[in-house]
PDB file of N, CA and C in Angstrom:
ATOM      1  N   UNK A   1      -7.459 -24.689 -13.319  1.00  0.00           N
ATOM      2  CA  UNK A   1      -7.738 -24.588 -14.735  1.00  0.00           C
ATOM      3  C   UNK A   1      -8.697 -25.712 -15.106  1.00  0.00           C
ATOM      4  N   UNK A   2      -9.595 -25.456 -16.048  1.00  0.00           N
ATOM      5  CA  UNK A   2     -10.566 -26.470 -16.473  1.00  0.00           C
ATOM      6  C   UNK A   2     -10.531 -26.605 -17.983  1.00  0.00           C
ATOM      7  N   UNK A   3     -10.792 -27.808 -18.452  1.00  0.00           N
ATOM      8  CA  UNK A   3     -10.878 -28.100 -19.876  1.00  0.00           C
ATOM      9  C   UNK A   3     -12.202 -28.807 -20.120  1.00  0.00           C
ATOM     10  N   UNK A   4     -12.914 -28.387 -21.163  1.00  0.00           N
ATOM     11  CA  UNK A   4     -14.189 -29.017 -21.490  1.00  0.00           C
ATOM     12  C   UNK A   4     -13.943 -30.069 -22.565  1.00  0.00           C
ATOM     13  N   UNK A   5     -14.311 -31.313 -22.272  1.00  0.00           N
ATOM     14  CA  UNK A   5     -14.151 -32.427 -23.192  1.00  0.00           C
ATOM     15  C   UNK A   5     -15.478 -33.171 -23.237  1.00  0.00           C
ATOM     16  N   UNK A   6     -16.077 -33.259 -24.450  1.00  0.00           N
ATOM     17  CA  UNK A   6     -17.356 -33.965 -24.615  1.00  0.00           C
ATOM     18  C   UNK A   6     -18.384 -33.536 -23.566  1.00  0.00           C
ATOM     19  N   UNK A   7     -18.545 -32.249 -23.401  1.00  0.00           N
ATOM     20  CA  UNK A   7     -19.502 -31.672 -22.452  1.00  0.00           C
ATOM     21  C   UNK A   7     -19.200 -32.009 -20.995  1.00  0.00           C
ATOM     22  N   UNK A   8     -18.001 -32.460 -20.708  1.00  0.00           N
ATOM     23  CA  UNK A   8     -17.572 -32.727 -19.330  1.00  0.00           C
ATOM     24  C   UNK A   8     -16.456 -31.741 -19.000  1.00  0.00           C
ATOM     25  N   UNK A   9     -16.423 -31.334 -17.789  1.00  0.00           N
ATOM     26  CA  UNK A   9     -15.373 -30.417 -17.346  1.00  0.00           C
ATOM     27  C   UNK A   9     -14.313 -31.215 -16.607  1.00  0.00           C
ATOM     28  N   UNK A  10     -13.102 -31.120 -17.096  1.00  0.00           N
ATOM     29  CA  UNK A  10     -11.977 -31.770 -16.440  1.00  0.00           C
ATOM     30  C   UNK A  10     -11.192 -30.696 -15.697  1.00  0.00           C
ATOM     31  N   UNK A  11     -11.008 -30.888 -14.419  1.00  0.00           N
ATOM     32  CA  UNK A  11     -10.257 -29.930 -13.627  1.00  0.00           C
ATOM     33  C   UNK A  11      -8.801 -30.335 -13.573  1.00  0.00           C
ATOM     34  N   UNK A  12      -7.941 -29.359 -13.745  1.00  0.00           N
ATOM     35  CA  UNK A  12      -6.507 -29.600 -13.694  1.00  0.00           C
ATOM     36  C   UNK A  12      -5.966 -28.954 -12.425  1.00  0.00           C
ATOM     37  N   UNK A  13      -5.125 -29.669 -11.721  1.00  0.00           N
ATOM     38  CA  UNK A  13      -4.480 -29.108 -10.535  1.00  0.00           C
ATOM     39  C   UNK A  13      -3.534 -28.007 -10.993  1.00  0.00           C
ATOM     40  N   UNK A  14      -3.452 -26.931 -10.218  1.00  0.00           N
ATOM     41  CA  UNK A  14      -2.528 -25.865 -10.600  1.00  0.00           C
ATOM     42  C   UNK A  14      -1.091 -26.369 -10.551  1.00  0.00           C
ATOM     43  N   UNK A  15      -0.287 -25.880 -11.458  1.00  0.00           N
ATOM     44  CA  UNK A  15       1.118 -26.284 -11.474  1.00  0.00           C
ATOM     45  C   UNK A  15       1.822 -25.654 -10.279  1.00  0.00           C
ATOM     46  N   UNK A  16       2.971 -26.188  -9.946  1.00  0.00           N
ATOM     47  CA  UNK A  16       3.719 -25.634  -8.812  1.00  0.00           C
ATOM     48  C   UNK A  16       4.116 -24.192  -9.105  1.00  0.00           C
ATOM     49  N   UNK A  17       4.319 -23.871 -10.364  1.00  0.00           N
ATOM     50  CA  UNK A  17       4.659 -22.494 -10.730  1.00  0.00           C
ATOM     51  C   UNK A  17       3.474 -21.577 -10.437  1.00  0.00           C
ATOM     52  N   UNK A  18       2.250 -22.024 -10.760  1.00  0.00           N
ATOM     53  CA  UNK A  18       1.060 -21.228 -10.477  1.00  0.00           C
ATOM     54  C   UNK A  18       0.866 -21.078  -8.980  1.00  0.00           C
ATOM     55  N   UNK A  19       1.055 -22.168  -8.223  1.00  0.00           N
ATOM     56  CA  UNK A  19       0.899 -22.113  -6.779  1.00  0.00           C
ATOM     57  C   UNK A  19       1.923 -21.171  -6.172  1.00  0.00           C
ATOM     58  N   UNK A  20       3.154 -21.251  -6.633  1.00  0.00           N
ATOM     59  CA  UNK A  20       4.208 -20.397  -6.125  1.00  0.00           C
ATOM     60  C   UNK A  20       3.897 -18.934  -6.422  1.00  0.00           C
ATOM     61  N   UNK A  21       3.386 -18.662  -7.609  1.00  0.00           N
ATOM     62  CA  UNK A  21       3.034 -17.295  -7.977  1.00  0.00           C
ATOM     63  C   UNK A  21       1.917 -16.749  -7.119  1.00  0.00           C
ATOM     64  N   UNK A  22       0.904 -17.568  -6.845  1.00  0.00           N
ATOM     65  CA  UNK A  22      -0.198 -17.090  -6.017  1.00  0.00           C
ATOM     66  C   UNK A  22       0.238 -16.950  -4.567  1.00  0.00           C
ATOM     67  N   UNK A  23       1.166 -17.805  -4.113  1.00  0.00           N
ATOM     68  CA  UNK A  23       1.682 -17.664  -2.750  1.00  0.00           C
ATOM     69  C   UNK A  23       2.476 -16.372  -2.622  1.00  0.00           C
ATOM     70  N   UNK A  24       3.271 -16.061  -3.646  1.00  0.00           N
ATOM     71  CA  UNK A  24       4.042 -14.824  -3.623  1.00  0.00           C
ATOM     72  C   UNK A  24       3.112 -13.621  -3.652  1.00  0.00           C
ATOM     73  N   UNK A  25       2.044 -13.689  -4.447  1.00  0.00           N
ATOM     74  CA  UNK A  25       1.088 -12.593  -4.514  1.00  0.00           C
ATOM     75  C   UNK A  25       0.421 -12.409  -3.163  1.00  0.00           C
ATOM     76  N   UNK A  26       0.029 -13.494  -2.525  1.00  0.00           N
ATOM     77  CA  UNK A  26      -0.585 -13.411  -1.204  1.00  0.00           C
ATOM     78  C   UNK A  26       0.371 -12.836  -0.177  1.00  0.00           C
ATOM     79  N   UNK A  27       1.623 -13.262  -0.235  1.00  0.00           N
ATOM     80  CA  UNK A  27       2.638 -12.749   0.686  1.00  0.00           C
ATOM     81  C   UNK A  27       2.871 -11.264   0.443  1.00  0.00           C
ATOM     82  N   UNK A  28       2.945 -10.868  -0.823  1.00  0.00           N
ATOM     83  CA  UNK A  28       3.138  -9.463  -1.156  1.00  0.00           C
ATOM     84  C   UNK A  28       1.951  -8.631  -0.672  1.00  0.00           C
ATOM     85  N   UNK A  29       0.743  -9.127  -0.848  1.00  0.00           N
ATOM     86  CA  UNK A  29      -0.442  -8.411  -0.367  1.00  0.00           C
ATOM     87  C   UNK A  29      -0.393  -8.232   1.144  1.00  0.00           C
ATOM     88  N   UNK A  30       0.032  -9.272   1.856  1.00  0.00           N
ATOM     89  CA  UNK A  30       0.137  -9.187   3.313  1.00  0.00           C
ATOM     90  C   UNK A  30       1.196  -8.160   3.718  1.00  0.00           C
ATOM     91  N   UNK A  31       2.309  -8.154   3.015  1.00  0.00           N
ATOM     92  CA  UNK A  31       3.352  -7.174   3.309  1.00  0.00           C
ATOM     93  C   UNK A  31       2.887  -5.752   3.020  1.00  0.00           C
ATOM     94  N   UNK A  32       2.156  -5.576   1.922  1.00  0.00           N
ATOM     95  CA  UNK A  32       1.636  -4.241   1.593  1.00  0.00           C
ATOM     96  C   UNK A  32       0.670  -3.758   2.667  1.00  0.00           C
ATOM     97  N   UNK A  33      -0.157  -4.658   3.172  1.00  0.00           N
ATOM     98  CA  UNK A  33      -1.101  -4.301   4.234  1.00  0.00           C
ATOM     99  C   UNK A  33      -0.351  -3.928   5.512  1.00  0.00           C
ATOM    100  N   UNK A  34       0.678  -4.702   5.844  1.00  0.00           N
ATOM    101  CA  UNK A  34       1.480  -4.414   7.033  1.00  0.00           C
ATOM    102  C   UNK A  34       2.185  -3.067   6.873  1.00  0.00           C
ATOM    103  N   UNK A  35       2.705  -2.796   5.676  1.00  0.00           N
ATOM    104  CA  UNK A  35       3.391  -1.536   5.390  1.00  0.00           C
ATOM    105  C   UNK A  35       2.429  -0.357   5.563  1.00  0.00           C
ATOM    106  N   UNK A  36       1.216  -0.495   5.047  1.00  0.00           N
ATOM    107  CA  UNK A  36       0.215   0.568   5.166  1.00  0.00           C
ATOM    108  C   UNK A  36      -0.180   0.789   6.627  1.00  0.00           C
ATOM    109  N   UNK A  37      -0.315  -0.289   7.384  1.00  0.00           N
ATOM    110  CA  UNK A  37      -0.649  -0.175   8.806  1.00  0.00           C
ATOM    111  C   UNK A  37       0.447   0.563   9.559  1.00  0.00           C
ATOM    112  N   UNK A  38       1.689   0.201   9.299  1.00  0.00           N
ATOM    113  CA  UNK A  38       2.803   0.887   9.950  1.00  0.00           C
ATOM    114  C   UNK A  38       2.840   2.356   9.561  1.00  0.00           C
ATOM    115  N   UNK A  39       2.540   2.652   8.307  1.00  0.00           N
ATOM    116  CA  UNK A  39       2.506   4.040   7.834  1.00  0.00           C
ATOM    117  C   UNK A  39       1.452   4.841   8.603  1.00  0.00           C
ATOM    118  N   UNK A  40       0.266   4.240   8.795  1.00  0.00           N
ATOM    119  CA  UNK A  40      -0.796   4.919   9.556  1.00  0.00           C
ATOM    120  C   UNK A  40      -0.387   5.117  11.015  1.00  0.00           C
ATOM    121  N   UNK A  41       0.251   4.101  11.606  1.00  0.00           N
ATOM    122  CA  UNK A  41       0.688   4.212  12.990  1.00  0.00           C
ATOM    123  C   UNK A  41       1.723   5.325  13.147  1.00  0.00           C
ATOM    124  N   UNK A  42       2.629   5.423  12.194  1.00  0.00           N
ATOM    125  CA  UNK A  42       3.641   6.482  12.221  1.00  0.00           C
ATOM    126  C   UNK A  42       2.965   7.849  12.113  1.00  0.00           C
ATOM    127  N   UNK A  43       2.015   7.978  11.198  1.00  0.00           N
ATOM    128  CA  UNK A  43       1.303   9.255  11.024  1.00  0.00           C
ATOM    129  C   UNK A  43       0.548   9.642  12.295  1.00  0.00           C
ATOM    130  N   UNK A  44      -0.116   8.672  12.916  1.00  0.00           N
ATOM    131  CA  UNK A  44      -0.869   8.960  14.139  1.00  0.00           C
ATOM    132  C   UNK A  44       0.068   9.392  15.275  1.00  0.00           C
ATOM    133  N   UNK A  45       1.172   8.686  15.413  1.00  0.00           N
ATOM    134  CA  UNK A  45       2.120   9.025  16.487  1.00  0.00           C
ATOM    135  C   UNK A  45       2.744  10.398  16.240  1.00  0.00           C
ATOM    136  N   UNK A  46       3.033  10.715  14.993  1.00  0.00           N
ATOM    137  CA  UNK A  46       3.633  12.002  14.641  1.00  0.00           C
ATOM    138  C   UNK A  46       2.698  13.163  14.977  1.00  0.00           C
ATOM    139  N   UNK A  47       1.393  12.936  14.868  1.00  0.00           N
ATOM    140  CA  UNK A  47       0.414  13.999  15.103  1.00  0.00           C
ATOM    141  C   UNK A  47       0.137  14.246  16.582  1.00  0.00           C
ATOM    142  N   UNK A  48       0.619  13.363  17.446  1.00  0.00           N
ATOM    143  CA  UNK A  48       0.412  13.567  18.880  1.00  0.00           C
ATOM    144  C   UNK A  48       1.188  14.791  19.356  1.00  0.00           C
ATOM    145  N   UNK A  49       0.699  15.446  20.423  1.00  0.00           N
ATOM    146  CA  UNK A  49       1.417  16.626  20.939  1.00  0.00           C
ATOM    147  C   UNK A  49       2.869  16.325  21.321  1.00  0.00           C
ATOM    148  N   UNK A  50       3.110  15.187  21.919  1.00  0.00           N
ATOM    149  CA  UNK A  50       4.481  14.789  22.287  1.00  0.00           C
ATOM    150  C   UNK A  50       4.740  13.380  21.764  1.00  0.00           C
ATOM    151  N   UNK A  51       5.123  13.269  20.489  1.00  0.00           N
ATOM    152  CA  UNK A  51       5.352  11.941  19.912  1.00  0.00           C
ATOM    153  C   UNK A  51       6.459  11.192  20.646  1.00  0.00           C
ATOM    154  N   UNK A  52       6.262   9.906  20.790  1.00  0.00           N
ATOM    155  CA  UNK A  52       7.257   9.037  21.412  1.00  0.00           C
ATOM    156  C   UNK A  52       8.322   8.718  20.357  1.00  0.00           C
ATOM    157  N   UNK A  53       9.483   9.343  20.503  1.00  0.00           N
ATOM    158  CA  UNK A  53      10.544   9.191  19.504  1.00  0.00           C
ATOM    159  C   UNK A  53      11.062   7.758  19.425  1.00  0.00           C
ATOM    160  N   UNK A  54      11.080   7.085  20.541  1.00  0.00           N
ATOM    161  CA  UNK A  54      11.520   5.682  20.551  1.00  0.00           C
ATOM    162  C   UNK A  54      10.545   4.808  19.768  1.00  0.00           C
ATOM    163  N   UNK A  55       9.255   5.034  19.986  1.00  0.00           N
ATOM    164  CA  UNK A  55       8.224   4.284  19.250  1.00  0.00           C
ATOM    165  C   UNK A  55       8.295   4.606  17.763  1.00  0.00           C
ATOM    166  N   UNK A  56       8.444   5.892  17.441  1.00  0.00           N
ATOM    167  CA  UNK A  56       8.544   6.283  16.028  1.00  0.00           C
ATOM    168  C   UNK A  56       9.738   5.611  15.356  1.00  0.00           C
ATOM    169  N   UNK A  57      10.848   5.581  16.043  1.00  0.00           N
ATOM    170  CA  UNK A  57      12.045   4.949  15.490  1.00  0.00           C
ATOM    171  C   UNK A  57      11.797   3.469  15.238  1.00  0.00           C
ATOM    172  N   UNK A  58      11.176   2.808  16.187  1.00  0.00           N
ATOM    173  CA  UNK A  58      10.875   1.378  16.042  1.00  0.00           C
ATOM    174  C   UNK A  58       9.912   1.128  14.879  1.00  0.00           C
ATOM    175  N   UNK A  59       8.864   1.932  14.790  1.00  0.00           N
ATOM    176  CA  UNK A  59       7.890   1.777  13.700  1.00  0.00           C
ATOM    177  C   UNK A  59       8.543   1.997  12.338  1.00  0.00           C
ATOM    178  N   UNK A  60       9.392   3.009  12.254  1.00  0.00           N
ATOM    179  CA  UNK A  60      10.060   3.313  10.987  1.00  0.00           C
ATOM    180  C   UNK A  60      11.013   2.188  10.576  1.00  0.00           C
ATOM    181  N   UNK A  61      11.708   1.616  11.546  1.00  0.00           N
ATOM    182  CA  UNK A  61      12.601   0.496  11.236  1.00  0.00           C
ATOM    183  C   UNK A  61      11.808  -0.702  10.732  1.00  0.00           C
ATOM    184  N   UNK A  62      10.681  -0.993  11.405  1.00  0.00           N
ATOM    185  CA  UNK A  62       9.845  -2.114  10.976  1.00  0.00           C
ATOM    186  C   UNK A  62       9.289  -1.863   9.582  1.00  0.00           C
ATOM    187  N   UNK A  63       8.874  -0.621   9.316  1.00  0.00           N
ATOM    188  CA  UNK A  63       8.335  -0.274   8.000  1.00  0.00           C
ATOM    189  C   UNK A  63       9.412  -0.458   6.924  1.00  0.00           C
ATOM    190  N   UNK A  64      10.634  -0.052   7.218  1.00  0.00           N
ATOM    191  CA  UNK A  64      11.734  -0.215   6.266  1.00  0.00           C
ATOM    192  C   UNK A  64      12.023  -1.692   6.014  1.00  0.00           C
ATOM    193  N   UNK A  65      11.991  -2.501   7.064  1.00  0.00           N
ATOM    194  CA  UNK A  65      12.232  -3.940   6.897  1.00  0.00           C
ATOM    195  C   UNK A  65      11.148  -4.572   6.016  1.00  0.00           C
ATOM    196  N   UNK A  66       9.901  -4.157   6.209  1.00  0.00           N
ATOM    197  CA  UNK A  66       8.797  -4.673   5.382  1.00  0.00           C
ATOM    198  C   UNK A  66       9.005  -4.243   3.933  1.00  0.00           C
ATOM    199  N   UNK A  67       9.387  -2.983   3.725  1.00  0.00           N
ATOM    200  CA  UNK A  67       9.613  -2.470   2.373  1.00  0.00           C
ATOM    201  C   UNK A  67      10.738  -3.245   1.682  1.00  0.00           C
ATOM    202  N   UNK A  68      11.803  -3.524   2.420  1.00  0.00           N
ATOM    203  CA  UNK A  68      12.906  -4.280   1.842  1.00  0.00           C
ATOM    204  C   UNK A  68      12.482  -5.687   1.461  1.00  0.00           C
ATOM    205  N   UNK A  69      11.650  -6.295   2.295  1.00  0.00           N
ATOM    206  CA  UNK A  69      11.157  -7.640   1.968  1.00  0.00           C
ATOM    207  C   UNK A  69      10.252  -7.593   0.744  1.00  0.00           C
ATOM    208  N   UNK A  70       9.447  -6.523   0.619  1.00  0.00           N
ATOM    209  CA  UNK A  70       8.570  -6.381  -0.549  1.00  0.00           C
ATOM    210  C   UNK A  70       9.385  -6.277  -1.838  1.00  0.00           C
ATOM    211  N   UNK A  71      10.485  -5.544  -1.795  1.00  0.00           N
ATOM    212  CA  UNK A  71      11.281  -5.358  -3.011  1.00  0.00           C
ATOM    213  C   UNK A  71      12.079  -6.601  -3.359  1.00  0.00           C
ATOM    214  N   UNK A  72      12.274  -7.499  -2.379  1.00  0.00           N
ATOM    215  CA  UNK A  72      13.047  -8.708  -2.665  1.00  0.00           C
ATOM    216  C   UNK A  72      12.203  -9.804  -3.307  1.00  0.00           C
ATOM    217  N   UNK A  73      10.888  -9.610  -3.345  1.00  0.00           N
ATOM    218  CA  UNK A  73       9.992 -10.625  -3.932  1.00  0.00           C
ATOM    219  C   UNK A  73       9.980 -10.491  -5.440  1.00  0.00           C
TER     220      UNK A  73
END
C-alpha cells in the first residue's frame, strides 16, 4: 500500500492479515490447478481402450483429497 504525502510516496509494508490472505489465495490457486490437472488425467485415462482401474482409483482419491483441502481454506 502507498500513501502520497507532500508529493512523496510512502510505502507501507503489508499487514500480516494481507500477507496471510494472499498466501491463502496463492495456495488455493495451486490447489485448483492441481485439481484441474488430476481431472484431465482422469479423463484421459478413462478414454483409453483399457483404463487402468488402479490408476483411476488413485487419481480419484488424490483429486478428492485436493478438493477437501480446498474447501477447508
